Amino acid sequence: MSAGSTPCIKLCLMDAPSGLCQGCGRTLDEIGGWGSLDEPARLAIMRLLPGRLAAARFETPTKTGRHDRRRALAESS
């Protein structure tokens, strides 16, 4: 993973009940602090994201209809 790597898939919609971004699965704190995290910390978060997304039951559907893409990314990991 390069220093500029991010799990963002440009589907930024926060789910209030879970506190997760529906696109990448990160919390607001993780998103906000991403640029200041070192490589091991980023990798640790990246390892958690597929499980978070696979387990998520978001209440708000996305406006773009990219739930299928997000789920496919989570399942392919």
PDB file of N, CA and C in Angstrom:
ATOM      1  N   MET A   1       0.849  -1.171   0.000  1.00  0.00           N
ATOM      2  CA  MET A   1       0.000   0.000   0.000  1.00  0.00           C
ATOM      3  C   MET A   1       0.893   1.231   0.000  1.00  0.00           C
ATOM      4  N   SER A   2       0.600   2.184  -0.865  1.00  0.00           N
ATOM      5  CA  SER A   2       1.397   3.397  -0.916  1.00  0.00           C
ATOM      6  C   SER A   2       0.904   4.403   0.109  1.00  0.00           C
ATOM      7  N   ALA A   3       1.707   5.424   0.341  1.00  0.00           N
ATOM      8  CA  ALA A   3       1.362   6.427   1.352  1.00  0.00           C
ATOM      9  C   ALA A   3       0.052   7.133   1.033  1.00  0.00           C
ATOM     10  N   GLY A   4      -0.311   7.224  -0.244  1.00  0.00           N
ATOM     11  CA  GLY A   4      -1.544   7.900  -0.628  1.00  0.00           C
ATOM     12  C   GLY A   4      -2.736   6.976  -0.752  1.00  0.00           C
ATOM     13  N   SER A   5      -2.582   5.716  -0.409  1.00  0.00           N
ATOM     14  CA  SER A   5      -3.670   4.753  -0.552  1.00  0.00           C
ATOM     15  C   SER A   5      -4.816   5.066   0.393  1.00  0.00           C
ATOM     16  N   THR A   6      -6.016   4.819  -0.101  1.00  0.00           N
ATOM     17  CA  THR A   6      -7.211   5.038   0.696  1.00  0.00           C
ATOM     18  C   THR A   6      -8.260   4.007   0.296  1.00  0.00           C
ATOM     19  N   PRO A   7      -9.096   3.584   1.225  1.00  0.00           N
ATOM     20  CA  PRO A   7     -10.170   2.659   0.878  1.00  0.00           C
ATOM     21  C   PRO A   7     -11.388   3.370   0.286  1.00  0.00           C
ATOM     22  N   CYS A   8     -11.313   4.694   0.162  1.00  0.00           N
ATOM     23  CA  CYS A   8     -12.441   5.475  -0.342  1.00  0.00           C
ATOM     24  C   CYS A   8     -12.795   5.053  -1.767  1.00  0.00           C
ATOM     25  N   ILE A   9     -14.096   4.800  -2.003  1.00  0.00           N
ATOM     26  CA  ILE A   9     -14.575   4.477  -3.349  1.00  0.00           C
ATOM     27  C   ILE A   9     -15.478   5.589  -3.872  1.00  0.00           C
ATOM     28  N   LYS A  10     -15.365   6.775  -3.281  1.00  0.00           N
ATOM     29  CA  LYS A  10     -16.134   7.958  -3.689  1.00  0.00           C
ATOM     30  C   LYS A  10     -17.627   7.762  -3.501  1.00  0.00           C
ATOM     31  N   LEU A  11     -18.005   7.005  -2.483  1.00  0.00           N
ATOM     32  CA  LEU A  11     -19.406   6.811  -2.100  1.00  0.00           C
ATOM     33  C   LEU A  11     -19.484   7.193  -0.627  1.00  0.00           C
ATOM     34  N   CYS A  12     -19.504   8.491  -0.390  1.00  0.00           N
ATOM     35  CA  CYS A  12     -19.394   9.010   0.974  1.00  0.00           C
ATOM     36  C   CYS A  12     -20.775   9.331   1.529  1.00  0.00           C
ATOM     37  N   LEU A  13     -21.294   8.422   2.313  1.00  0.00           N
ATOM     38  CA  LEU A  13     -22.593   8.597   2.952  1.00  0.00           C
ATOM     39  C   LEU A  13     -22.522   7.916   4.306  1.00  0.00           C
ATOM     40  N   MET A  14     -22.593   8.725   5.350  1.00  0.00           N
ATOM     41  CA  MET A  14     -22.474   8.184   6.702  1.00  0.00           C
ATOM     42  C   MET A  14     -23.798   7.585   7.164  1.00  0.00           C
ATOM     43  N   ASP A  15     -23.711   6.432   7.783  1.00  0.00           N
ATOM     44  CA  ASP A  15     -24.860   5.763   8.373  1.00  0.00           C
ATOM     45  C   ASP A  15     -24.855   6.107   9.860  1.00  0.00           C
ATOM     46  N   ALA A  16     -25.859   6.877  10.293  1.00  0.00           N
ATOM     47  CA  ALA A  16     -25.880   7.360  11.678  1.00  0.00           C
ATOM     48  C   ALA A  16     -25.914   6.236  12.721  1.00  0.00           C
ATOM     49  N   PRO A  17     -26.765   5.223  12.569  1.00  0.00           N
ATOM     50  CA  PRO A  17     -26.807   4.181  13.608  1.00  0.00           C
ATOM     51  C   PRO A  17     -25.474   3.444  13.802  1.00  0.00           C
ATOM     52  N   SER A  18     -24.792   3.143  12.718  1.00  0.00           N
ATOM     53  CA  SER A  18     -23.539   2.390  12.843  1.00  0.00           C
ATOM     54  C   SER A  18     -22.325   3.300  12.983  1.00  0.00           C
ATOM     55  N   GLY A  19     -22.435   4.540  12.513  1.00  0.00           N
ATOM     56  CA  GLY A  19     -21.299   5.451  12.525  1.00  0.00           C
ATOM     57  C   GLY A  19     -20.283   5.156  11.442  1.00  0.00           C
ATOM     58  N   LEU A  20     -20.680   4.381  10.429  1.00  0.00           N
ATOM     59  CA  LEU A  20     -19.764   3.986   9.359  1.00  0.00           C
ATOM     60  C   LEU A  20     -20.122   4.653   8.042  1.00  0.00           C
ATOM     61  N   CYS A  21     -19.104   4.896   7.231  1.00  0.00           N
ATOM     62  CA  CYS A  21     -19.326   5.341   5.858  1.00  0.00           C
ATOM     63  C   CYS A  21     -19.845   4.141   5.072  1.00  0.00           C
ATOM     64  N   GLN A  22     -20.919   4.342   4.330  1.00  0.00           N
ATOM     65  CA  GLN A  22     -21.493   3.237   3.562  1.00  0.00           C
ATOM     66  C   GLN A  22     -20.603   2.823   2.395  1.00  0.00           C
ATOM     67  N   GLY A  23     -19.695   3.676   1.981  1.00  0.00           N
ATOM     68  CA  GLY A  23     -18.804   3.341   0.879  1.00  0.00           C
ATOM     69  C   GLY A  23     -17.583   2.552   1.305  1.00  0.00           C
ATOM     70  N   CYS A  24     -16.864   3.076   2.304  1.00  0.00           N
ATOM     71  CA  CYS A  24     -15.589   2.448   2.671  1.00  0.00           C
ATOM     72  C   CYS A  24     -15.621   1.694   3.995  1.00  0.00           C
ATOM     73  N   GLY A  25     -16.610   1.973   4.838  1.00  0.00           N
ATOM     74  CA  GLY A  25     -16.706   1.276   6.114  1.00  0.00           C
ATOM     75  C   GLY A  25     -15.934   1.908   7.253  1.00  0.00           C
ATOM     76  N   ARG A  26     -15.318   3.076   7.005  1.00  0.00           N
ATOM     77  CA  ARG A  26     -14.572   3.737   8.074  1.00  0.00           C
ATOM     78  C   ARG A  26     -15.482   4.632   8.912  1.00  0.00           C
ATOM     79  N   THR A  27     -15.032   4.919  10.130  1.00  0.00           N
ATOM     80  CA  THR A  27     -15.721   5.877  10.991  1.00  0.00           C
ATOM     81  C   THR A  27     -15.268   7.286  10.610  1.00  0.00           C
ATOM     82  N   LEU A  28     -15.990   8.295  11.101  1.00  0.00           N
ATOM     83  CA  LEU A  28     -15.574   9.677  10.839  1.00  0.00           C
ATOM     84  C   LEU A  28     -14.184   9.958  11.399  1.00  0.00           C
ATOM     85  N   ASP A  29     -13.885   9.434  12.569  1.00  0.00           N
ATOM     86  CA  ASP A  29     -12.554   9.631  13.149  1.00  0.00           C
ATOM     87  C   ASP A  29     -11.472   9.013  12.266  1.00  0.00           C
ATOM     88  N   GLU A  30     -11.736   7.829  11.734  1.00  0.00           N
ATOM     89  CA  GLU A  30     -10.756   7.176  10.851  1.00  0.00           C
ATOM     90  C   GLU A  30     -10.588   7.953   9.554  1.00  0.00           C
ATOM     91  N   ILE A  31     -11.688   8.437   9.001  1.00  0.00           N
ATOM     92  CA  ILE A  31     -11.616   9.221   7.763  1.00  0.00           C
ATOM     93  C   ILE A  31     -10.844  10.514   8.010  1.00  0.00           C
ATOM     94  N   GLY A  32     -11.198  11.222   9.083  1.00  0.00           N
ATOM     95  CA  GLY A  32     -10.554  12.494   9.389  1.00  0.00           C
ATOM     96  C   GLY A  32      -9.077  12.369   9.716  1.00  0.00           C
ATOM     97  N   GLY A  33      -8.692  11.291  10.340  1.00  0.00           N
ATOM     98  CA  GLY A  33      -7.305  11.108  10.733  1.00  0.00           C
ATOM     99  C   GLY A  33      -6.462  10.314   9.761  1.00  0.00           C
ATOM    100  N   TRP A  34      -7.057   9.879   8.649  1.00  0.00           N
ATOM    101  CA  TRP A  34      -6.369   8.996   7.711  1.00  0.00           C
ATOM    102  C   TRP A  34      -5.019   9.548   7.260  1.00  0.00           C
ATOM    103  N   GLY A  35      -4.972  10.830   6.940  1.00  0.00           N
ATOM    104  CA  GLY A  35      -3.738  11.433   6.436  1.00  0.00           C
ATOM    105  C   GLY A  35      -2.604  11.461   7.443  1.00  0.00           C
ATOM    106  N   SER A  36      -2.918  11.419   8.717  1.00  0.00           N
ATOM    107  CA  SER A  36      -1.869  11.470   9.740  1.00  0.00           C
ATOM    108  C   SER A  36      -1.497  10.092  10.291  1.00  0.00           C
ATOM    109  N   LEU A  37      -2.188   9.051   9.844  1.00  0.00           N
ATOM    110  CA  LEU A  37      -1.878   7.698  10.316  1.00  0.00           C
ATOM    111  C   LEU A  37      -0.629   7.159   9.639  1.00  0.00           C
ATOM    112  N   ASP A  38       0.137   6.359  10.372  1.00  0.00           N
ATOM    113  CA  ASP A  38       1.281   5.702   9.751  1.00  0.00           C
ATOM    114  C   ASP A  38       0.801   4.443   9.018  1.00  0.00           C
ATOM    115  N   GLU A  39       1.696   3.877   8.255  1.00  0.00           N
ATOM    116  CA  GLU A  39       1.358   2.717   7.420  1.00  0.00           C
ATOM    117  C   GLU A  39       0.781   1.540   8.215  1.00  0.00           C
ATOM    118  N   PRO A  40       1.380   1.136   9.335  1.00  0.00           N
ATOM    119  CA  PRO A  40       0.801   0.019  10.099  1.00  0.00           C
ATOM    120  C   PRO A  40      -0.623   0.303  10.588  1.00  0.00           C
ATOM    121  N   ALA A  41      -0.891   1.528  10.991  1.00  0.00           N
ATOM    122  CA  ALA A  41      -2.239   1.876  11.460  1.00  0.00           C
ATOM    123  C   ALA A  41      -3.243   1.820  10.314  1.00  0.00           C
ATOM    124  N   ARG A  42      -2.848   2.315   9.149  1.00  0.00           N
ATOM    125  CA  ARG A  42      -3.737   2.247   7.976  1.00  0.00           C
ATOM    126  C   ARG A  42      -4.026   0.798   7.594  1.00  0.00           C
ATOM    127  N   LEU A  43      -2.993  -0.016   7.589  1.00  0.00           N
ATOM    128  CA  LEU A  43      -3.175  -1.426   7.234  1.00  0.00           C
ATOM    129  C   LEU A  43      -4.089  -2.137   8.225  1.00  0.00           C
ATOM    130  N   ALA A  44      -3.953  -1.803   9.503  1.00  0.00           N
ATOM    131  CA  ALA A  44      -4.807  -2.418  10.523  1.00  0.00           C
ATOM    132  C   ALA A  44      -6.273  -2.073  10.275  1.00  0.00           C
ATOM    133  N   ILE A  45      -6.544  -0.823   9.938  1.00  0.00           N
ATOM    134  CA  ILE A  45      -7.919  -0.416   9.637  1.00  0.00           C
ATOM    135  C   ILE A  45      -8.400  -1.095   8.358  1.00  0.00           C
ATOM    136  N   MET A  46      -7.554  -1.118   7.339  1.00  0.00           N
ATOM    137  CA  MET A  46      -7.932  -1.729   6.054  1.00  0.00           C
ATOM    138  C   MET A  46      -8.331  -3.197   6.241  1.00  0.00           C
ATOM    139  N   ARG A  47      -7.675  -3.897   7.158  1.00  0.00           N
ATOM    140  CA  ARG A  47      -8.010  -5.302   7.399  1.00  0.00           C
ATOM    141  C   ARG A  47      -9.401  -5.459   8.018  1.00  0.00           C
ATOM    142  N   LEU A  48      -9.855  -4.456   8.743  1.00  0.00           N
ATOM    143  CA  LEU A  48     -11.171  -4.513   9.392  1.00  0.00           C
ATOM    144  C   LEU A  48     -12.332  -4.210   8.445  1.00  0.00           C
ATOM    145  N   LEU A  49     -12.074  -3.452   7.395  1.00  0.00           N
ATOM    146  CA  LEU A  49     -13.156  -2.923   6.564  1.00  0.00           C
ATOM    147  C   LEU A  49     -14.010  -3.979   5.865  1.00  0.00           C
ATOM    148  N   PRO A  50     -13.449  -5.016   5.262  1.00  0.00           N
ATOM    149  CA  PRO A  50     -14.320  -6.005   4.607  1.00  0.00           C
ATOM    150  C   PRO A  50     -15.329  -6.632   5.565  1.00  0.00           C
ATOM    151  N   GLY A  51     -14.893  -6.951   6.766  1.00  0.00           N
ATOM    152  CA  GLY A  51     -15.804  -7.525   7.756  1.00  0.00           C
ATOM    153  C   GLY A  51     -16.875  -6.548   8.189  1.00  0.00           C
ATOM    154  N   ARG A  52     -16.488  -5.295   8.377  1.00  0.00           N
ATOM    155  CA  ARG A  52     -17.463  -4.266   8.749  1.00  0.00           C
ATOM    156  C   ARG A  52     -18.539  -4.127   7.682  1.00  0.00           C
ATOM    157  N   LEU A  53     -18.099  -4.033   6.432  1.00  0.00           N
ATOM    158  CA  LEU A  53     -19.054  -3.841   5.339  1.00  0.00           C
ATOM    159  C   LEU A  53     -19.942  -5.064   5.147  1.00  0.00           C
ATOM    160  N   ALA A  54     -19.375  -6.239   5.294  1.00  0.00           N
ATOM    161  CA  ALA A  54     -20.167  -7.460   5.131  1.00  0.00           C
ATOM    162  C   ALA A  54     -21.222  -7.585   6.226  1.00  0.00           C
ATOM    163  N   ALA A  55     -20.906  -7.111   7.430  1.00  0.00           N
ATOM    164  CA  ALA A  55     -21.832  -7.216   8.555  1.00  0.00           C
ATOM    165  C   ALA A  55     -22.821  -6.057   8.630  1.00  0.00           C
ATOM    166  N   ALA A  56     -22.545  -4.991   7.903  1.00  0.00           N
ATOM    167  CA  ALA A  56     -23.366  -3.775   8.007  1.00  0.00           C
ATOM    168  C   ALA A  56     -24.763  -3.986   7.438  1.00  0.00           C
ATOM    169  N   ARG A  57     -25.705  -3.391   8.113  1.00  0.00           N
ATOM    170  CA  ARG A  57     -27.095  -3.366   7.651  1.00  0.00           C
ATOM    171  C   ARG A  57     -27.518  -1.905   7.651  1.00  0.00           C
ATOM    172  N   PHE A  58     -27.115  -1.188   6.618  1.00  0.00           N
ATOM    173  CA  PHE A  58     -27.378   0.237   6.555  1.00  0.00           C
ATOM    174  C   PHE A  58     -28.857   0.510   6.347  1.00  0.00           C
ATOM    175  N   GLU A  59     -29.382   1.491   7.091  1.00  0.00           N
ATOM    176  CA  GLU A  59     -30.794   1.836   7.015  1.00  0.00           C
ATOM    177  C   GLU A  59     -31.104   2.772   5.859  1.00  0.00           C
ATOM    178  N   THR A  60     -30.138   3.574   5.443  1.00  0.00           N
ATOM    179  CA  THR A  60     -30.357   4.552   4.393  1.00  0.00           C
ATOM    180  C   THR A  60     -29.786   4.033   3.085  1.00  0.00           C
ATOM    181  N   PRO A  61     -30.609   3.835   2.061  1.00  0.00           N
ATOM    182  CA  PRO A  61     -30.060   3.398   0.779  1.00  0.00           C
ATOM    183  C   PRO A  61     -29.232   4.512   0.153  1.00  0.00           C
ATOM    184  N   THR A  62     -28.234   4.148  -0.604  1.00  0.00           N
ATOM    185  CA  THR A  62     -27.412   5.154  -1.262  1.00  0.00           C
ATOM    186  C   THR A  62     -28.168   5.762  -2.427  1.00  0.00           C
ATOM    187  N   LYS A  63     -27.866   7.017  -2.713  1.00  0.00           N
ATOM    188  CA  LYS A  63     -28.514   7.699  -3.830  1.00  0.00           C
ATOM    189  C   LYS A  63     -28.014   7.161  -5.163  1.00  0.00           C
ATOM    190  N   THR A  64     -26.820   6.622  -5.187  1.00  0.00           N
ATOM    191  CA  THR A  64     -26.223   6.195  -6.443  1.00  0.00           C
ATOM    192  C   THR A  64     -26.501   4.739  -6.780  1.00  0.00           C
ATOM    193  N   GLY A  65     -27.066   3.995  -5.846  1.00  0.00           N
ATOM    194  CA  GLY A  65     -27.348   2.590  -6.113  1.00  0.00           C
ATOM    195  C   GLY A  65     -26.111   1.718  -6.163  1.00  0.00           C
ATOM    196  N   ARG A  66     -25.034   2.151  -5.518  1.00  0.00           N
ATOM    197  CA  ARG A  66     -23.793   1.387  -5.584  1.00  0.00           C
ATOM    198  C   ARG A  66     -23.629   0.414  -4.429  1.00  0.00           C
ATOM    199  N   HIS A  67     -24.723   0.039  -3.783  1.00  0.00           N
ATOM    200  CA  HIS A  67     -24.632  -0.969  -2.720  1.00  0.00           C
ATOM    201  C   HIS A  67     -24.002  -2.247  -3.265  1.00  0.00           C
ATOM    202  N   ASP A  68     -24.387  -2.637  -4.480  1.00  0.00           N
ATOM    203  CA  ASP A  68     -23.854  -3.867  -5.052  1.00  0.00           C
ATOM    204  C   ASP A  68     -22.341  -3.792  -5.203  1.00  0.00           C
ATOM    205  N   ARG A  69     -21.819  -2.646  -5.621  1.00  0.00           N
ATOM    206  CA  ARG A  69     -20.377  -2.491  -5.785  1.00  0.00           C
ATOM    207  C   ARG A  69     -19.685  -2.587  -4.435  1.00  0.00           C
ATOM    208  N   ARG A  70     -20.234  -1.924  -3.412  1.00  0.00           N
ATOM    209  CA  ARG A  70     -19.641  -1.945  -2.085  1.00  0.00           C
ATOM    210  C   ARG A  70     -19.628  -3.360  -1.535  1.00  0.00           C
ATOM    211  N   ARG A  71     -20.742  -4.057  -1.662  1.00  0.00           N
ATOM    212  CA  ARG A  71     -20.820  -5.441  -1.163  1.00  0.00           C
ATOM    213  C   ARG A  71     -19.833  -6.336  -1.913  1.00  0.00           C
ATOM    214  N   ALA A  72     -19.742  -6.155  -3.241  1.00  0.00           N
ATOM    215  CA  ALA A  72     -18.820  -6.971  -4.028  1.00  0.00           C
ATOM    216  C   ALA A  72     -17.382  -6.745  -3.573  1.00  0.00           C
ATOM    217  N   LEU A  73     -17.025  -5.488  -3.292  1.00  0.00           N
ATOM    218  CA  LEU A  73     -15.676  -5.195  -2.809  1.00  0.00           C
ATOM    219  C   LEU A  73     -15.431  -5.859  -1.461  1.00  0.00           C
ATOM    220  N   ALA A  74     -16.416  -5.821  -0.588  1.00  0.00           N
ATOM    221  CA  ALA A  74     -16.269  -6.427   0.738  1.00  0.00           C
ATOM    222  C   ALA A  74     -16.136  -7.940   0.633  1.00  0.00           C
ATOM    223  N   GLU A  75     -16.913  -8.538  -0.241  1.00  0.00           N
ATOM    224  CA  GLU A  75     -16.904  -9.996  -0.362  1.00  0.00           C
ATOM    225  C   GLU A  75     -15.671 -10.519  -1.083  1.00  0.00           C
ATOM    226  N   SER A  76     -15.046  -9.668  -1.923  1.00  0.00           N
ATOM    227  CA  SER A  76     -13.886 -10.130  -2.681  1.00  0.00           C
ATOM    228  C   SER A  76     -12.609 -10.124  -1.848  1.00  0.00           C
ATOM    229  N   SER A  77     -12.659  -9.503  -0.681  1.00  0.00           N
ATOM    230  CA  SER A  77     -11.454  -9.422   0.169  1.00  0.00           C
ATOM    231  C   SER A  77     -11.249 -10.676   0.971  1.00  0.00           C
TER     232      SER A  77
END
